[in-house]
PDB file of N, CA and C in Angstrom:
ATOM      1  N   MET A   1      45.165 135.764  66.044  1.00  0.00           N
ATOM      2  CA  MET A   1      45.458 134.848  67.131  1.00  0.00           C
ATOM      3  C   MET A   1      44.315 134.853  68.135  1.00  0.00           C
ATOM      4  N   VAL A   2      43.913 133.680  68.549  1.00  0.00           N
ATOM      5  CA  VAL A   2      42.842 133.558  69.527  1.00  0.00           C
ATOM      6  C   VAL A   2      43.432 133.716  70.923  1.00  0.00           C
ATOM      7  N   SER A   3      42.784 134.540  71.720  1.00  0.00           N
ATOM      8  CA  SER A   3      43.305 134.805  73.062  1.00  0.00           C
ATOM      9  C   SER A   3      43.055 133.621  73.991  1.00  0.00           C
ATOM     10  N   PRO A   4      43.877 133.517  75.029  1.00  0.00           N
ATOM     11  CA  PRO A   4      43.661 132.450  76.020  1.00  0.00           C
ATOM     12  C   PRO A   4      42.266 132.525  76.653  1.00  0.00           C
ATOM     13  N   ALA A   5      41.743 133.721  76.840  1.00  0.00           N
ATOM     14  CA  ALA A   5      40.408 133.860  77.439  1.00  0.00           C
ATOM     15  C   ALA A   5      39.337 133.276  76.522  1.00  0.00           C
ATOM     16  N   LYS A   6      39.469 133.519  75.223  1.00  0.00           N
ATOM     17  CA  LYS A   6      38.496 132.956  74.279  1.00  0.00           C
ATOM     18  C   LYS A   6      38.602 131.437  74.224  1.00  0.00           C
ATOM     19  N   ASN A   7      39.824 130.927  74.259  1.00  0.00           N
ATOM     20  CA  ASN A   7      40.011 129.470  74.294  1.00  0.00           C
ATOM     21  C   ASN A   7      39.412 128.884  75.569  1.00  0.00           C
ATOM     22  N   ALA A   8      39.608 129.571  76.678  1.00  0.00           N
ATOM     23  CA  ALA A   8      39.044 129.102  77.947  1.00  0.00           C
ATOM     24  C   ALA A   8      37.524 129.092  77.893  1.00  0.00           C
ATOM     25  N   ASN A   9      36.940 130.076  77.229  1.00  0.00           N
ATOM     26  CA  ASN A   9      35.487 130.119  77.111  1.00  0.00           C
ATOM     27  C   ASN A   9      34.963 128.971  76.256  1.00  0.00           C
ATOM     28  N   LEU A  10      35.682 128.626  75.200  1.00  0.00           N
ATOM     29  CA  LEU A  10      35.287 127.481  74.380  1.00  0.00           C
ATOM     30  C   LEU A  10      35.431 126.170  75.164  1.00  0.00           C
ATOM     31  N   LEU A  11      36.477 126.066  75.964  1.00  0.00           N
ATOM     32  CA  LEU A  11      36.633 124.896  76.824  1.00  0.00           C
ATOM     33  C   LEU A  11      35.485 124.819  77.817  1.00  0.00           C
ATOM     34  N   LEU A  12      35.115 125.952  78.378  1.00  0.00           N
ATOM     35  CA  LEU A  12      33.992 125.991  79.315  1.00  0.00           C
ATOM     36  C   LEU A  12      32.709 125.530  78.630  1.00  0.00           C
ATOM     37  N   MET A  13      32.505 125.938  77.386  1.00  0.00           N
ATOM     38  CA  MET A  13      31.326 125.494  76.630  1.00  0.00           C
ATOM     39  C   MET A  13      31.298 123.968  76.537  1.00  0.00           C
ATOM     40  N   PHE A  14      32.435 123.365  76.220  1.00  0.00           N
ATOM     41  CA  PHE A  14      32.514 121.911  76.129  1.00  0.00           C
ATOM     42  C   PHE A  14      32.220 121.267  77.479  1.00  0.00           C
ATOM     43  N   LEU A  15      32.781 121.819  78.542  1.00  0.00           N
ATOM     44  CA  LEU A  15      32.539 121.272  79.877  1.00  0.00           C
ATOM     45  C   LEU A  15      31.071 121.422  80.278  1.00  0.00           C
ATOM     46  N   LEU A  16      30.445 122.515  79.868  1.00  0.00           N
ATOM     47  CA  LEU A  16      29.015 122.689  80.128  1.00  0.00           C
ATOM     48  C   LEU A  16      28.194 121.643  79.372  1.00  0.00           C
ATOM     49  N   GLU A  17      28.607 121.328  78.147  1.00  0.00           N
ATOM     50  CA  GLU A  17      27.925 120.282  77.379  1.00  0.00           C
ATOM     51  C   GLU A  17      27.993 118.948  78.130  1.00  0.00           C
ATOM     52  N   LEU A  18      29.168 118.620  78.638  1.00  0.00           N
ATOM     53  CA  LEU A  18      29.310 117.398  79.428  1.00  0.00           C
ATOM     54  C   LEU A  18      28.488 117.477  80.713  1.00  0.00           C
ATOM     55  N   GLY A  19      28.419 118.673  81.281  1.00  0.00           N
ATOM     56  CA  GLY A  19      27.621 118.878  82.488  1.00  0.00           C
ATOM     57  C   GLY A  19      26.142 118.622  82.261  1.00  0.00           C
ATOM     58  N   VAL A  20      25.646 118.975  81.083  1.00  0.00           N
ATOM     59  CA  VAL A  20      24.250 118.686  80.763  1.00  0.00           C
ATOM     60  C   VAL A  20      24.013 117.185  80.793  1.00  0.00           C
ATOM     61  N   LEU A  21      24.901 116.441  80.150  1.00  0.00           N
ATOM     62  CA  LEU A  21      24.746 114.983  80.110  1.00  0.00           C
ATOM     63  C   LEU A  21      24.821 114.382  81.515  1.00  0.00           C
ATOM     64  N   ALA A  22      25.759 114.871  82.308  1.00  0.00           N
ATOM     65  CA  ALA A  22      25.879 114.379  83.689  1.00  0.00           C
ATOM     66  C   ALA A  22      24.622 114.721  84.496  1.00  0.00           C
ATOM     67  N   SER A  23      24.098 115.908  84.300  1.00  0.00           N
ATOM     68  CA  SER A  23      22.898 116.339  85.025  1.00  0.00           C
ATOM     69  C   SER A  23      21.689 115.491  84.674  1.00  0.00           C
ATOM     70  N   VAL A  24      21.517 115.232  83.386  1.00  0.00           N
ATOM     71  CA  VAL A  24      20.381 114.416  82.951  1.00  0.00           C
ATOM     72  C   VAL A  24      20.533 112.985  83.468  1.00  0.00           C
ATOM     73  N   GLY A  25      21.738 112.450  83.412  1.00  0.00           N
ATOM     74  CA  GLY A  25      21.971 111.116  83.953  1.00  0.00           C
ATOM     75  C   GLY A  25      21.713 111.060  85.446  1.00  0.00           C
ATOM     76  N   TYR A  26      22.180 112.061  86.163  1.00  0.00           N
ATOM     77  CA  TYR A  26      21.959 112.122  87.606  1.00  0.00           C
ATOM     78  C   TYR A  26      20.471 112.162  87.920  1.00  0.00           C
ATOM     79  N   TRP A  27      19.750 113.018  87.196  1.00  0.00           N
ATOM     80  CA  TRP A  27      18.307 113.099  87.392  1.00  0.00           C
ATOM     81  C   TRP A  27      17.659 111.729  87.175  1.00  0.00           C
ATOM     82  N   GLY A  28      17.999 111.077  86.089  1.00  0.00           N
ATOM     83  CA  GLY A  28      17.387 109.794  85.779  1.00  0.00           C
ATOM     84  C   GLY A  28      17.652 108.732  86.821  1.00  0.00           C
ATOM     85  N   PHE A  29      18.882 108.686  87.286  1.00  0.00           N
ATOM     86  CA  PHE A  29      19.232 107.645  88.259  1.00  0.00           C
ATOM     87  C   PHE A  29      18.742 107.958  89.667  1.00  0.00           C
ATOM     88  N   THR A  30      18.347 109.194  89.923  1.00  0.00           N
ATOM     89  CA  THR A  30      17.812 109.518  91.252  1.00  0.00           C
ATOM     90  C   THR A  30      16.295 109.627  91.253  1.00  0.00           C
ATOM     91  N   THR A  31      15.683 109.615  90.086  1.00  0.00           N
ATOM     92  CA  THR A  31      14.235 109.801  89.992  1.00  0.00           C
ATOM     93  C   THR A  31      13.471 108.488  90.032  1.00  0.00           C
ATOM     94  N   GLY A  32      13.974 107.498  89.350  1.00  0.00           N
ATOM     95  CA  GLY A  32      13.257 106.233  89.230  1.00  0.00           C
ATOM     96  C   GLY A  32      13.038 105.522  90.558  1.00  0.00           C
ATOM     97  N   GLN A  33      11.960 104.743  90.612  1.00  0.00           N
ATOM     98  CA  GLN A  33      11.632 104.000  91.831  1.00  0.00           C
ATOM     99  C   GLN A  33      12.348 102.664  91.919  1.00  0.00           C
ATOM    100  N   ASN A  34      12.691 102.078  90.753  1.00  0.00           N
ATOM    101  CA  ASN A  34      13.383 100.792  90.751  1.00  0.00           C
ATOM    102  C   ASN A  34      14.449 100.818  89.656  1.00  0.00           C
ATOM    103  N   TRP A  35      15.310  99.802  89.645  1.00  0.00           N
ATOM    104  CA  TRP A  35      16.461  99.840  88.733  1.00  0.00           C
ATOM    105  C   TRP A  35      16.096  99.876  87.257  1.00  0.00           C
ATOM    106  N   PRO A  36      15.101  99.146  86.793  1.00  0.00           N
ATOM    107  CA  PRO A  36      14.771  99.262  85.369  1.00  0.00           C
ATOM    108  C   PRO A  36      14.359 100.686  84.979  1.00  0.00           C
ATOM    109  N   VAL A  37      13.583 101.333  85.841  1.00  0.00           N
ATOM    110  CA  VAL A  37      13.160 102.708  85.547  1.00  0.00           C
ATOM    111  C   VAL A  37      14.350 103.658  85.644  1.00  0.00           C
ATOM    112  N   LYS A  38      15.187 103.470  86.647  1.00  0.00           N
ATOM    113  CA  LYS A  38      16.386 104.306  86.791  1.00  0.00           C
ATOM    114  C   LYS A  38      17.277 104.177  85.556  1.00  0.00           C
ATOM    115  N   LEU A  39      17.468 102.967  85.073  1.00  0.00           N
ATOM    116  CA  LEU A  39      18.280 102.759  83.866  1.00  0.00           C
ATOM    117  C   LEU A  39      17.650 103.414  82.648  1.00  0.00           C
ATOM    118  N   LEU A  40      16.345 103.253  82.500  1.00  0.00           N
ATOM    119  CA  LEU A  40      15.652 103.857  81.363  1.00  0.00           C
ATOM    120  C   LEU A  40      15.771 105.373  81.390  1.00  0.00           C
ATOM    121  N   LEU A  41      15.496 105.960  82.541  1.00  0.00           N
ATOM    122  CA  LEU A  41      15.565 107.423  82.642  1.00  0.00           C
ATOM    123  C   LEU A  41      16.999 107.936  82.571  1.00  0.00           C
ATOM    124  N   GLY A  42      17.892 107.279  83.301  1.00  0.00           N
ATOM    125  CA  GLY A  42      19.283 107.734  83.344  1.00  0.00           C
ATOM    126  C   GLY A  42      20.000 107.583  82.017  1.00  0.00           C
ATOM    127  N   LEU A  43      19.957 106.408  81.449  1.00  0.00           N
ATOM    128  CA  LEU A  43      20.653 106.170  80.181  1.00  0.00           C
ATOM    129  C   LEU A  43      19.844 106.678  78.987  1.00  0.00           C
ATOM    130  N   GLY A  44      18.524 106.486  79.042  1.00  0.00           N
ATOM    131  CA  GLY A  44      17.673 106.947  77.945  1.00  0.00           C
ATOM    132  C   GLY A  44      17.662 108.459  77.816  1.00  0.00           C
ATOM    133  N   GLY A  45      17.616 109.151  78.947  1.00  0.00           N
ATOM    134  CA  GLY A  45      17.648 110.615  78.914  1.00  0.00           C
ATOM    135  C   GLY A  45      18.948 111.124  78.320  1.00  0.00           C
ATOM    136  N   VAL A  46      20.051 110.543  78.735  1.00  0.00           N
ATOM    137  CA  VAL A  46      21.359 110.934  78.198  1.00  0.00           C
ATOM    138  C   VAL A  46      21.420 110.631  76.702  1.00  0.00           C
ATOM    139  N   ALA A  47      20.945 109.456  76.299  1.00  0.00           N
ATOM    140  CA  ALA A  47      20.962 109.094  74.877  1.00  0.00           C
ATOM    141  C   ALA A  47      20.135 110.073  74.050  1.00  0.00           C
ATOM    142  N   LEU A  48      18.991 110.478  74.566  1.00  0.00           N
ATOM    143  CA  LEU A  48      18.151 111.453  73.853  1.00  0.00           C
ATOM    144  C   LEU A  48      18.873 112.786  73.708  1.00  0.00           C
ATOM    145  N   PHE A  49      19.482 113.254  74.777  1.00  0.00           N
ATOM    146  CA  PHE A  49      20.198 114.526  74.718  1.00  0.00           C
ATOM    147  C   PHE A  49      21.393 114.439  73.768  1.00  0.00           C
ATOM    148  N   VAL A  50      22.112 113.328  73.794  1.00  0.00           N
ATOM    149  CA  VAL A  50      23.248 113.141  72.888  1.00  0.00           C
ATOM    150  C   VAL A  50      22.764 113.178  71.445  1.00  0.00           C
ATOM    151  N   ALA A  51      21.673 112.497  71.161  1.00  0.00           N
ATOM    152  CA  ALA A  51      21.158 112.444  69.792  1.00  0.00           C
ATOM    153  C   ALA A  51      20.757 113.830  69.299  1.00  0.00           C
ATOM    154  N   VAL A  52      20.058 114.577  70.127  1.00  0.00           N
ATOM    155  CA  VAL A  52      19.634 115.932  69.731  1.00  0.00           C
ATOM    156  C   VAL A  52      20.846 116.812  69.469  1.00  0.00           C
ATOM    157  N   TRP A  53      21.841 116.747  70.363  1.00  0.00           N
ATOM    158  CA  TRP A  53      23.028 117.587  70.195  1.00  0.00           C
ATOM    159  C   TRP A  53      23.826 117.179  68.962  1.00  0.00           C
ATOM    160  N   ALA A  54      23.917 115.889  68.714  1.00  0.00           N
ATOM    161  CA  ALA A  54      24.666 115.413  67.544  1.00  0.00           C
ATOM    162  C   ALA A  54      24.007 115.871  66.253  1.00  0.00           C
ATOM    163  N   VAL A  55      22.701 115.867  66.221  1.00  0.00           N
ATOM    164  CA  VAL A  55      21.992 116.242  64.993  1.00  0.00           C
ATOM    165  C   VAL A  55      21.994 117.751  64.795  1.00  0.00           C
ATOM    166  N   PHE A  56      21.761 118.514  65.854  1.00  0.00           N
ATOM    167  CA  PHE A  56      21.545 119.952  65.691  1.00  0.00           C
ATOM    168  C   PHE A  56      22.616 120.862  66.279  1.00  0.00           C
ATOM    169  N   GLY A  57      23.372 120.403  67.285  1.00  0.00           N
ATOM    170  CA  GLY A  57      24.190 121.345  68.026  1.00  0.00           C
ATOM    171  C   GLY A  57      25.687 121.172  67.995  1.00  0.00           C
ATOM    172  N   ALA A  58      26.184 120.003  67.586  1.00  0.00           N
ATOM    173  CA  ALA A  58      27.627 119.749  67.624  1.00  0.00           C
ATOM    174  C   ALA A  58      28.368 120.791  66.795  1.00  0.00           C
ATOM    175  N   ALA A  59      29.445 121.313  67.349  1.00  0.00           N
ATOM    176  CA  ALA A  59      30.150 122.475  66.784  1.00  0.00           C
ATOM    177  C   ALA A  59      30.371 122.398  65.276  1.00  0.00           C
ATOM    178  N   ASP A  60      31.158 121.460  64.816  1.00  0.00           N
ATOM    179  CA  ASP A  60      31.457 121.383  63.390  1.00  0.00           C
ATOM    180  C   ASP A  60      30.866 120.151  62.726  1.00  0.00           C
ATOM    181  N   ASP A  61      30.228 119.283  63.498  1.00  0.00           N
ATOM    182  CA  ASP A  61      29.785 118.000  62.976  1.00  0.00           C
ATOM    183  C   ASP A  61      28.278 117.792  63.020  1.00  0.00           C
ATOM    184  N   ALA A  62      27.496 118.834  63.282  1.00  0.00           N
ATOM    185  CA  ALA A  62      26.049 118.670  63.342  1.00  0.00           C
ATOM    186  C   ALA A  62      25.511 118.272  61.968  1.00  0.00           C
ATOM    187  N   ARG A  63      24.601 117.315  61.953  1.00  0.00           N
ATOM    188  CA  ARG A  63      23.980 116.885  60.687  1.00  0.00           C
ATOM    189  C   ARG A  63      23.109 117.993  60.105  1.00  0.00           C
ATOM    190  N   ILE A  64      22.383 118.679  60.982  1.00  0.00           N
ATOM    191  CA  ILE A  64      21.529 119.792  60.576  1.00  0.00           C
ATOM    192  C   ILE A  64      21.898 120.975  61.474  1.00  0.00           C
ATOM    193  N   PRO A  65      22.967 121.685  61.139  1.00  0.00           N
ATOM    194  CA  PRO A  65      23.413 122.779  62.019  1.00  0.00           C
ATOM    195  C   PRO A  65      22.388 123.914  62.066  1.00  0.00           C
ATOM    196  N   LEU A  66      22.122 124.382  63.254  1.00  0.00           N
ATOM    197  CA  LEU A  66      21.180 125.473  63.439  1.00  0.00           C
ATOM    198  C   LEU A  66      21.934 126.783  63.614  1.00  0.00           C
ATOM    199  N   THR A  67      21.334 127.857  63.139  1.00  0.00           N
ATOM    200  CA  THR A  67      21.915 129.186  63.280  1.00  0.00           C
ATOM    201  C   THR A  67      20.827 130.151  63.744  1.00  0.00           C
ATOM    202  N   GLY A  68      21.265 131.315  64.140  1.00  0.00           N
ATOM    203  CA  GLY A  68      20.332 132.371  64.522  1.00  0.00           C
ATOM    204  C   GLY A  68      19.440 131.998  65.689  1.00  0.00           C
ATOM    205  N   LEU A  69      18.160 132.356  65.574  1.00  0.00           N
ATOM    206  CA  LEU A  69      17.216 132.110  66.660  1.00  0.00           C
ATOM    207  C   LEU A  69      16.991 130.630  66.919  1.00  0.00           C
ATOM    208  N   ALA A  70      17.095 129.802  65.882  1.00  0.00           N
ATOM    209  CA  ALA A  70      16.947 128.364  66.081  1.00  0.00           C
ATOM    210  C   ALA A  70      18.071 127.839  66.977  1.00  0.00           C
ATOM    211  N   ARG A  71      19.277 128.349  66.771  1.00  0.00           N
ATOM    212  CA  ARG A  71      20.414 127.939  67.614  1.00  0.00           C
ATOM    213  C   ARG A  71      20.217 128.414  69.049  1.00  0.00           C
ATOM    214  N   VAL A  72      19.733 129.636  69.190  1.00  0.00           N
ATOM    215  CA  VAL A  72      19.462 130.173  70.529  1.00  0.00           C
ATOM    216  C   VAL A  72      18.434 129.294  71.241  1.00  0.00           C
ATOM    217  N   ALA A  73      17.364 128.928  70.530  1.00  0.00           N
ATOM    218  CA  ALA A  73      16.331 128.082  71.127  1.00  0.00           C
ATOM    219  C   ALA A  73      16.900 126.719  71.523  1.00  0.00           C
ATOM    220  N   LEU A  74      17.714 126.132  70.649  1.00  0.00           N
ATOM    221  CA  LEU A  74      18.331 124.844  70.963  1.00  0.00           C
ATOM    222  C   LEU A  74      19.175 124.944  72.225  1.00  0.00           C
ATOM    223  N   GLU A  75      20.025 125.951  72.300  1.00  0.00           N
ATOM    224  CA  GLU A  75      20.894 126.092  73.470  1.00  0.00           C
ATOM    225  C   GLU A  75      20.090 126.328  74.743  1.00  0.00           C
ATOM    226  N   LEU A  76      19.050 127.148  74.653  1.00  0.00           N
ATOM    227  CA  LEU A  76      18.237 127.388  75.843  1.00  0.00           C
ATOM    228  C   LEU A  76      17.549 126.108  76.312  1.00  0.00           C
ATOM    229  N   LEU A  77      17.054 125.316  75.366  1.00  0.00           N
ATOM    230  CA  LEU A  77      16.426 124.046  75.731  1.00  0.00           C
ATOM    231  C   LEU A  77      17.448 123.044  76.249  1.00  0.00           C
ATOM    232  N   TRP A  78      18.604 122.989  75.578  1.00  0.00           N
ATOM    233  CA  TRP A  78      19.647 122.015  75.945  1.00  0.00           C
ATOM    234  C   TRP A  78      20.223 122.317  77.332  1.00  0.00           C
ATOM    235  N   PHE A  79      20.754 123.537  77.494  1.00  0.00           N
ATOM    236  CA  PHE A  79      21.389 123.886  78.769  1.00  0.00           C
ATOM    237  C   PHE A  79      20.352 124.127  79.858  1.00  0.00           C
ATOM    238  N   GLY A  80      19.198 124.660  79.472  1.00  0.00           N
ATOM    239  CA  GLY A  80      18.102 124.780  80.428  1.00  0.00           C
ATOM    240  C   GLY A  80      17.632 123.420  80.898  1.00  0.00           C
ATOM    241  N   GLY A  81      17.665 122.442  79.991  1.00  0.00           N
ATOM    242  CA  GLY A  81      17.314 121.072  80.363  1.00  0.00           C
ATOM    243  C   GLY A  81      18.281 120.505  81.386  1.00  0.00           C
ATOM    244  N   GLY A  82      19.553 120.829  81.230  1.00  0.00           N
ATOM    245  CA  GLY A  82      20.540 120.383  82.216  1.00  0.00           C
ATOM    246  C   GLY A  82      20.288 121.003  83.578  1.00  0.00           C
ATOM    247  N   ALA A  83      20.013 122.298  83.588  1.00  0.00           N
ATOM    248  CA  ALA A  83      19.722 122.975  84.857  1.00  0.00           C
ATOM    249  C   ALA A  83      18.419 122.447  85.458  1.00  0.00           C
ATOM    250  N   ALA A  84      17.412 122.241  84.615  1.00  0.00           N
ATOM    251  CA  ALA A  84      16.129 121.724  85.097  1.00  0.00           C
ATOM    252  C   ALA A  84      16.285 120.321  85.665  1.00  0.00           C
ATOM    253  N   ALA A  85      17.112 119.502  85.025  1.00  0.00           N
ATOM    254  CA  ALA A  85      17.340 118.140  85.523  1.00  0.00           C
ATOM    255  C   ALA A  85      17.926 118.177  86.927  1.00  0.00           C
ATOM    256  N   LEU A  86      18.876 119.071  87.139  1.00  0.00           N
ATOM    257  CA  LEU A  86      19.445 119.203  88.484  1.00  0.00           C
ATOM    258  C   LEU A  86      18.389 119.663  89.486  1.00  0.00           C
ATOM    259  N   ALA A  87      17.593 120.646  89.088  1.00  0.00           N
ATOM    260  CA  ALA A  87      16.556 121.148  89.990  1.00  0.00           C
ATOM    261  C   ALA A  87      15.536 120.054  90.316  1.00  0.00           C
ATOM    262  N   LEU A  88      15.132 119.294  89.296  1.00  0.00           N
ATOM    263  CA  LEU A  88      14.161 118.217  89.520  1.00  0.00           C
ATOM    264  C   LEU A  88      14.727 117.091  90.375  1.00  0.00           C
ATOM    265  N   ALA A  89      16.047 116.964  90.367  1.00  0.00           N
ATOM    266  CA  ALA A  89      16.696 115.952  91.203  1.00  0.00           C
ATOM    267  C   ALA A  89      16.928 116.472  92.621  1.00  0.00           C
ATOM    268  N   GLY A  90      16.425 117.680  92.909  1.00  0.00           N
ATOM    269  CA  GLY A  90      16.558 118.233  94.249  1.00  0.00           C
ATOM    270  C   GLY A  90      17.856 118.982  94.490  1.00  0.00           C
ATOM    271  N   ARG A  91      18.572 119.316  93.443  1.00  0.00           N
ATOM    272  CA  ARG A  91      19.863 120.014  93.557  1.00  0.00           C
ATOM    273  C   ARG A  91      19.702 121.443  93.036  1.00  0.00           C
ATOM    274  N   LEU A  92      18.943 122.265  93.765  1.00  0.00           N
ATOM    275  CA  LEU A  92      18.594 123.607  93.306  1.00  0.00           C
ATOM    276  C   LEU A  92      19.801 124.533  93.212  1.00  0.00           C
ATOM    277  N   THR A  93      20.678 124.518  94.215  1.00  0.00           N
ATOM    278  CA  THR A  93      21.845 125.407  94.170  1.00  0.00           C
ATOM    279  C   THR A  93      22.763 125.077  93.002  1.00  0.00           C
ATOM    280  N   PRO A  94      23.108 123.812  92.757  1.00  0.00           N
ATOM    281  CA  PRO A  94      23.899 123.518  91.563  1.00  0.00           C
ATOM    282  C   PRO A  94      23.161 123.873  90.272  1.00  0.00           C
ATOM    283  N   ALA A  95      21.845 123.735  90.249  1.00  0.00           N
ATOM    284  CA  ALA A  95      21.069 124.093  89.054  1.00  0.00           C
ATOM    285  C   ALA A  95      21.189 125.584  88.757  1.00  0.00           C
ATOM    286  N   ILE A  96      21.084 126.395  89.789  1.00  0.00           N
ATOM    287  CA  ILE A  96      21.198 127.846  89.617  1.00  0.00           C
ATOM    288  C   ILE A  96      22.612 128.206  89.188  1.00  0.00           C
ATOM    289  N   ALA A  97      23.608 127.583  89.808  1.00  0.00           N
ATOM    290  CA  ALA A  97      25.002 127.844  89.435  1.00  0.00           C
ATOM    291  C   ALA A  97      25.259 127.438  87.986  1.00  0.00           C
ATOM    292  N   PHE A  98      24.742 126.297  87.577  1.00  0.00           N
ATOM    293  CA  PHE A  98      24.910 125.827  86.208  1.00  0.00           C
ATOM    294  C   PHE A  98      24.312 126.832  85.226  1.00  0.00           C
ATOM    295  N   ALA A  99      23.096 127.281  85.508  1.00  0.00           N
ATOM    296  CA  ALA A  99      22.430 128.249  84.629  1.00  0.00           C
ATOM    297  C   ALA A  99      23.208 129.563  84.578  1.00  0.00           C
ATOM    298  N   ALA A 100      23.748 129.994  85.703  1.00  0.00           N
ATOM    299  CA  ALA A 100      24.504 131.246  85.734  1.00  0.00           C
ATOM    300  C   ALA A 100      25.794 131.140  84.929  1.00  0.00           C
ATOM    301  N   VAL A 101      26.502 130.026  85.084  1.00  0.00           N
ATOM    302  CA  VAL A 101      27.748 129.834  84.328  1.00  0.00           C
ATOM    303  C   VAL A 101      27.452 129.765  82.838  1.00  0.00           C
ATOM    304  N   TYR A 102      26.381 129.064  82.460  1.00  0.00           N
ATOM    305  CA  TYR A 102      26.003 129.013  81.042  1.00  0.00           C
ATOM    306  C   TYR A 102      25.699 130.414  80.517  1.00  0.00           C
ATOM    307  N   THR A 103      24.977 131.201  81.290  1.00  0.00           N
ATOM    308  CA  THR A 103      24.611 132.547  80.848  1.00  0.00           C
ATOM    309  C   THR A 103      25.852 133.395  80.592  1.00  0.00           C
ATOM    310  N   VAL A 104      26.805 133.362  81.494  1.00  0.00           N
ATOM    311  CA  VAL A 104      28.056 134.113  81.307  1.00  0.00           C
ATOM    312  C   VAL A 104      28.791 133.605  80.067  1.00  0.00           C
ATOM    313  N   ASN A 105      28.859 132.284  79.912  1.00  0.00           N
ATOM    314  CA  ASN A 105      29.521 131.694  78.752  1.00  0.00           C
ATOM    315  C   ASN A 105      28.849 132.127  77.459  1.00  0.00           C
ATOM    316  N   ALA A 106      27.533 132.109  77.426  1.00  0.00           N
ATOM    317  CA  ALA A 106      26.796 132.483  76.216  1.00  0.00           C
ATOM    318  C   ALA A 106      27.004 133.949  75.868  1.00  0.00           C
ATOM    319  N   VAL A 107      26.982 134.810  76.879  1.00  0.00           N
ATOM    320  CA  VAL A 107      27.190 136.240  76.642  1.00  0.00           C
ATOM    321  C   VAL A 107      28.594 136.478  76.100  1.00  0.00           C
ATOM    322  N   LEU A 108      29.585 135.823  76.689  1.00  0.00           N
ATOM    323  CA  LEU A 108      30.959 135.990  76.205  1.00  0.00           C
ATOM    324  C   LEU A 108      31.121 135.469  74.769  1.00  0.00           C
ATOM    325  N   ARG A 109      30.468 134.340  74.457  1.00  0.00           N
ATOM    326  CA  ARG A 109      30.540 133.825  73.087  1.00  0.00           C
ATOM    327  C   ARG A 109      29.900 134.794  72.103  1.00  0.00           C
ATOM    328  N   LEU A 110      28.827 135.434  72.523  1.00  0.00           N
ATOM    329  CA  LEU A 110      28.174 136.431  71.671  1.00  0.00           C
ATOM    330  C   LEU A 110      29.061 137.655  71.482  1.00  0.00           C
ATOM    331  N   VAL A 111      29.606 138.155  72.574  1.00  0.00           N
ATOM    332  CA  VAL A 111      30.466 139.347  72.507  1.00  0.00           C
ATOM    333  C   VAL A 111      31.728 139.065  71.674  1.00  0.00           C
ATOM    334  N   TRP A 112      32.298 137.894  71.856  1.00  0.00           N
ATOM    335  CA  TRP A 112      33.535 137.533  71.157  1.00  0.00           C
ATOM    336  C   TRP A 112      33.292 136.885  69.799  1.00  0.00           C
ATOM    337  N   ASN A 113      32.022 136.800  69.403  1.00  0.00           N
ATOM    338  CA  ASN A 113      31.668 136.227  68.099  1.00  0.00           C
ATOM    339  C   ASN A 113      32.219 134.814  67.924  1.00  0.00           C
ATOM    340  N   GLN A 114      32.012 133.985  68.932  1.00  0.00           N
ATOM    341  CA  GLN A 114      32.524 132.601  68.897  1.00  0.00           C
ATOM    342  C   GLN A 114      31.454 131.678  68.386  1.00  0.00           C
TER     343      GLN A 114
END
């Protein structure tokens, strides 16, 4: 039986995934100088992140699932990208909080073999 804490950690992982997309979109829409650039960065950045995650990172549906160090590298780039997007958008405190929550989530997933 899976414990409620482990289920909560998996839910947190999903919410962090959504947080990455929101962070990248926020960065894009706050970075551009005019609406065409804002749309390109905001929607294009999210589309790029979605595509990468769908191909390599999606839990059970990845086209090319990564394991081991490749998976670690993907997660560091993916979630680090979300934190970096927040920092680049001028939201340093949320970026640090996002990175800290991801780190705790990753450690718990490792310890619990999730």
